[in-house]
Amino acid sequence: MFGRYDAAVVLTPSRPAVLVADDEPQLLPLMRRVLTRAGYEVITAPDGAQALEVIGARADEIGIAVLDAAIAPEGSGRIVAAITARGASPALVFTSGDALSDALSELLLQHAGVFLRKPFAPSDLLRAVRDSTDSLEAQTG
């Protein structure tokens, strides 16, 4: 008995932090807003150099990386390499208005990642993030 009122506590699993790196200034805040409203902690980087800085400081917190496939100047491949070099294995989503190169397509396959073609709707972004985490969990078992 807890007195007059019984309290129900609902526990939800915590969501991993999402690194969003995109050099399109109008798209970055939109992606942040969509993911934040869905309950994710979002870390943004407006270019590849800042993404690498974030990774250097917070790689262990990043569970999902949403990367513009052609982000300047480093490119998404170098960003993924920096994350994995620190022992992290985030779920990956590459975004682009163009087809992915063979090398980036192979990188997505290796990491059970998802490709999201620009332009995309907010619901597509959320689905891609969810699909990437599901694929990574299935791959790592």
C-alpha atoms as a PDB file:
ATOM      1  CA  MET A   1       0.000   0.000   0.000  1.00  0.00           C
ATOM      2  CA  PHE A   2       1.279   3.388  -0.991  1.00  0.00           C
ATOM      3  CA  GLY A   3      -1.384   5.462   0.631  1.00  0.00           C
ATOM      4  CA  ARG A   4      -4.106   7.081  -1.370  1.00  0.00           C
ATOM      5  CA  TYR A   5      -2.362   7.040  -4.736  1.00  0.00           C
ATOM      6  CA  ASP A   6      -0.439   4.277  -6.396  1.00  0.00           C
ATOM      7  CA  ALA A   7       2.227   5.463  -8.766  1.00  0.00           C
ATOM      8  CA  ALA A   8       3.046   3.617 -11.954  1.00  0.00           C
ATOM      9  CA  VAL A   9       6.523   4.071 -13.312  1.00  0.00           C
ATOM     10  CA  VAL A  10       7.082   3.437 -16.983  1.00  0.00           C
ATOM     11  CA  LEU A  11      10.670   2.754 -17.914  1.00  0.00           C
ATOM     12  CA  THR A  12      11.740   3.198 -21.501  1.00  0.00           C
ATOM     13  CA  PRO A  13      15.117   2.180 -22.813  1.00  0.00           C
ATOM     14  CA  SER A  14      17.451   5.079 -23.315  1.00  0.00           C
ATOM     15  CA  ARG A  15      18.139   5.996 -26.906  1.00  0.00           C
ATOM     16  CA  PRO A  16      21.700   6.284 -28.114  1.00  0.00           C
ATOM     17  CA  ALA A  17      23.165   9.618 -29.081  1.00  0.00           C
ATOM     18  CA  VAL A  18      22.987  10.447 -32.775  1.00  0.00           C
ATOM     19  CA  LEU A  19      25.788  12.236 -34.589  1.00  0.00           C
ATOM     20  CA  VAL A  20      24.291  14.177 -37.503  1.00  0.00           C
ATOM     21  CA  ALA A  21      26.894  15.570 -39.893  1.00  0.00           C
ATOM     22  CA  ASP A  22      25.632  17.481 -42.913  1.00  0.00           C
ATOM     23  CA  ASP A  23      26.944  20.568 -44.663  1.00  0.00           C
ATOM     24  CA  GLU A  24      23.529  21.750 -45.859  1.00  0.00           C
ATOM     25  CA  PRO A  25      22.692  24.537 -43.393  1.00  0.00           C
ATOM     26  CA  GLN A  26      18.928  24.285 -43.871  1.00  0.00           C
ATOM     27  CA  LEU A  27      18.872  20.504 -43.362  1.00  0.00           C
ATOM     28  CA  LEU A  28      20.971  20.166 -40.205  1.00  0.00           C
ATOM     29  CA  PRO A  29      18.524  21.942 -37.837  1.00  0.00           C
ATOM     30  CA  LEU A  30      15.588  20.056 -39.354  1.00  0.00           C
ATOM     31  CA  MET A  31      17.231  16.696 -38.706  1.00  0.00           C
ATOM     32  CA  ARG A  32      18.131  17.781 -35.171  1.00  0.00           C
ATOM     33  CA  ARG A  33      14.550  18.793 -34.449  1.00  0.00           C
ATOM     34  CA  VAL A  34      13.029  15.582 -35.855  1.00  0.00           C
ATOM     35  CA  LEU A  35      15.394  13.316 -33.942  1.00  0.00           C
ATOM     36  CA  THR A  36      15.187  15.319 -30.713  1.00  0.00           C
ATOM     37  CA  ARG A  37      11.394  15.160 -30.775  1.00  0.00           C
ATOM     38  CA  ALA A  38      11.693  11.392 -31.192  1.00  0.00           C
ATOM     39  CA  GLY A  39      13.704  11.232 -27.965  1.00  0.00           C
ATOM     40  CA  TYR A  40      17.261  11.068 -29.253  1.00  0.00           C
ATOM     41  CA  GLU A  41      20.166  13.110 -27.964  1.00  0.00           C
ATOM     42  CA  VAL A  42      21.512  14.775 -31.110  1.00  0.00           C
ATOM     43  CA  ILE A  43      25.046  16.005 -31.682  1.00  0.00           C
ATOM     44  CA  THR A  44      25.436  18.034 -34.868  1.00  0.00           C
ATOM     45  CA  ALA A  45      28.400  18.885 -37.034  1.00  0.00           C
ATOM     46  CA  PRO A  46      28.145  21.227 -40.042  1.00  0.00           C
ATOM     47  CA  ASP A  47      31.185  19.739 -41.786  1.00  0.00           C
ATOM     48  CA  GLY A  48      33.519  16.785 -41.707  1.00  0.00           C
ATOM     49  CA  ALA A  49      36.206  18.518 -39.677  1.00  0.00           C
ATOM     50  CA  GLN A  50      33.795  19.284 -36.836  1.00  0.00           C
ATOM     51  CA  ALA A  51      32.405  15.740 -37.041  1.00  0.00           C
ATOM     52  CA  LEU A  52      35.927  14.447 -36.427  1.00  0.00           C
ATOM     53  CA  GLU A  53      36.276  16.798 -33.444  1.00  0.00           C
ATOM     54  CA  VAL A  54      33.014  15.488 -31.983  1.00  0.00           C
ATOM     55  CA  ILE A  55      34.169  11.916 -32.492  1.00  0.00           C
ATOM     56  CA  GLY A  56      37.449  12.675 -30.750  1.00  0.00           C
ATOM     57  CA  ALA A  57      35.602  13.990 -27.728  1.00  0.00           C
ATOM     58  CA  ARG A  58      32.477  11.795 -27.623  1.00  0.00           C
ATOM     59  CA  ALA A  59      32.959   8.623 -29.703  1.00  0.00           C
ATOM     60  CA  ASP A  60      31.858   6.385 -26.838  1.00  0.00           C
ATOM     61  CA  GLU A  61      28.462   8.149 -26.687  1.00  0.00           C
ATOM     62  CA  ILE A  62      27.618   7.886 -30.391  1.00  0.00           C
ATOM     63  CA  GLY A  63      25.307   4.984 -31.139  1.00  0.00           C
ATOM     64  CA  ILE A  64      24.035   6.218 -34.494  1.00  0.00           C
ATOM     65  CA  ALA A  65      25.738   8.289 -37.183  1.00  0.00           C
ATOM     66  CA  VAL A  66      23.664  10.080 -39.825  1.00  0.00           C
ATOM     67  CA  LEU A  67      26.195  11.324 -42.352  1.00  0.00           C
ATOM     68  CA  ASP A  68      25.985  13.264 -45.574  1.00  0.00           C
ATOM     69  CA  ALA A  69      27.777  10.849 -47.887  1.00  0.00           C
ATOM     70  CA  ALA A  70      29.730  13.648 -49.574  1.00  0.00           C
ATOM     71  CA  ILE A  71      30.383  15.873 -46.564  1.00  0.00           C
ATOM     72  CA  ALA A  72      33.324  18.180 -47.079  1.00  0.00           C
ATOM     73  CA  PRO A  73      36.209  18.114 -46.622  1.00  0.00           C
ATOM     74  CA  GLU A  74      36.800  14.666 -45.104  1.00  0.00           C
ATOM     75  CA  GLY A  75      34.007  12.574 -46.580  1.00  0.00           C
ATOM     76  CA  SER A  76      31.827  10.144 -44.698  1.00  0.00           C
ATOM     77  CA  GLY A  77      34.227   7.232 -45.134  1.00  0.00           C
ATOM     78  CA  ARG A  78      36.906   8.989 -43.093  1.00  0.00           C
ATOM     79  CA  ILE A  79      34.342   9.851 -40.412  1.00  0.00           C
ATOM     80  CA  VAL A  80      33.248   6.211 -40.112  1.00  0.00           C
ATOM     81  CA  ALA A  81      36.900   5.151 -39.942  1.00  0.00           C
ATOM     82  CA  ALA A  82      37.505   7.613 -37.093  1.00  0.00           C
ATOM     83  CA  ILE A  83      34.537   6.252 -35.143  1.00  0.00           C
ATOM     84  CA  THR A  84      35.486   2.612 -35.582  1.00  0.00           C
ATOM     85  CA  ALA A  85      39.152   3.343 -34.780  1.00  0.00           C
ATOM     86  CA  ARG A  86      37.950   4.296 -31.318  1.00  0.00           C
ATOM     87  CA  GLY A  87      36.235   0.941 -30.878  1.00  0.00           C
ATOM     88  CA  ALA A  88      32.694   2.170 -31.520  1.00  0.00           C
ATOM     89  CA  SER A  89      30.270   0.464 -33.900  1.00  0.00           C
ATOM     90  CA  PRO A  90      27.429   2.899 -34.494  1.00  0.00           C
ATOM     91  CA  ALA A  91      24.421   2.265 -36.659  1.00  0.00           C
ATOM     92  CA  LEU A  92      24.965   4.131 -39.930  1.00  0.00           C
ATOM     93  CA  VAL A  93      22.716   6.183 -42.175  1.00  0.00           C
ATOM     94  CA  PHE A  94      24.230   7.822 -45.247  1.00  0.00           C
ATOM     95  CA  THR A  95      22.244  10.604 -46.917  1.00  0.00           C
ATOM     96  CA  SER A  96      22.745  11.916 -50.428  1.00  0.00           C
ATOM     97  CA  GLY A  97      20.880  13.301 -53.393  1.00  0.00           C
ATOM     98  CA  ASP A  98      23.058  11.152 -55.644  1.00  0.00           C
ATOM     99  CA  ALA A  99      23.825   7.453 -55.802  1.00  0.00           C
ATOM    100  CA  LEU A 100      26.533   6.234 -53.443  1.00  0.00           C
ATOM    101  CA  SER A 101      29.960   5.337 -54.735  1.00  0.00           C
ATOM    102  CA  ASP A 102      30.889   1.666 -54.735  1.00  0.00           C
ATOM    103  CA  ALA A 103      33.221   2.249 -51.785  1.00  0.00           C
ATOM    104  CA  LEU A 104      30.507   3.886 -49.671  1.00  0.00           C
ATOM    105  CA  SER A 105      27.970   1.224 -50.648  1.00  0.00           C
ATOM    106  CA  GLU A 106      30.422  -1.430 -49.481  1.00  0.00           C
ATOM    107  CA  LEU A 107      31.012   0.465 -46.238  1.00  0.00           C
ATOM    108  CA  LEU A 108      27.262   0.521 -45.589  1.00  0.00           C
ATOM    109  CA  LEU A 109      27.062  -3.220 -46.225  1.00  0.00           C
ATOM    110  CA  GLN A 110      29.926  -3.894 -43.805  1.00  0.00           C
ATOM    111  CA  HIS A 111      28.175  -1.908 -41.091  1.00  0.00           C
ATOM    112  CA  ALA A 112      24.584  -2.981 -41.888  1.00  0.00           C
ATOM    113  CA  GLY A 113      23.830   0.662 -42.672  1.00  0.00           C
ATOM    114  CA  VAL A 114      20.984   2.374 -44.473  1.00  0.00           C
ATOM    115  CA  PHE A 115      21.000   4.765 -47.426  1.00  0.00           C
ATOM    116  CA  LEU A 116      18.501   7.659 -47.331  1.00  0.00           C
ATOM    117  CA  ARG A 117      18.108   9.612 -50.554  1.00  0.00           C
ATOM    118  CA  LYS A 118      17.648  13.388 -50.339  1.00  0.00           C
ATOM    119  CA  PRO A 119      15.199  15.009 -50.257  1.00  0.00           C
ATOM    120  CA  PHE A 120      13.425  13.002 -47.581  1.00  0.00           C
ATOM    121  CA  ALA A 121      10.477  13.432 -45.250  1.00  0.00           C
ATOM    122  CA  PRO A 122      10.934  13.524 -41.462  1.00  0.00           C
ATOM    123  CA  SER A 123       9.235  10.132 -41.199  1.00  0.00           C
ATOM    124  CA  ASP A 124      11.790   8.721 -43.672  1.00  0.00           C
ATOM    125  CA  LEU A 125      14.627   9.945 -41.454  1.00  0.00           C
ATOM    126  CA  LEU A 126      13.123   8.299 -38.387  1.00  0.00           C
ATOM    127  CA  ARG A 127      12.520   5.064 -40.296  1.00  0.00           C
ATOM    128  CA  ALA A 128      16.109   5.039 -41.592  1.00  0.00           C
ATOM    129  CA  VAL A 129      17.505   5.551 -38.082  1.00  0.00           C
ATOM    130  CA  ARG A 130      15.282   2.787 -36.703  1.00  0.00           C
ATOM    131  CA  ASP A 131      16.149   0.448 -39.598  1.00  0.00           C
ATOM    132  CA  SER A 132      19.873   1.076 -39.148  1.00  0.00           C
ATOM    133  CA  THR A 133      19.748   0.225 -35.452  1.00  0.00           C
ATOM    134  CA  ASP A 134      17.654  -2.882 -36.153  1.00  0.00           C
ATOM    135  CA  SER A 135      20.115  -4.007 -38.854  1.00  0.00           C
ATOM    136  CA  LEU A 136      23.099  -3.451 -36.590  1.00  0.00           C
ATOM    137  CA  GLU A 137      21.469  -5.414 -33.763  1.00  0.00           C
ATOM    138  CA  ALA A 138      20.666  -8.268 -36.141  1.00  0.00           C
ATOM    139  CA  GLN A 139      24.255  -8.288 -37.440  1.00  0.00           C
ATOM    140  CA  THR A 140      25.883  -8.210 -33.996  1.00  0.00           C
ATOM    141  CA  GLY A 141      23.262 -10.508 -32.467  1.00  0.00           C
END
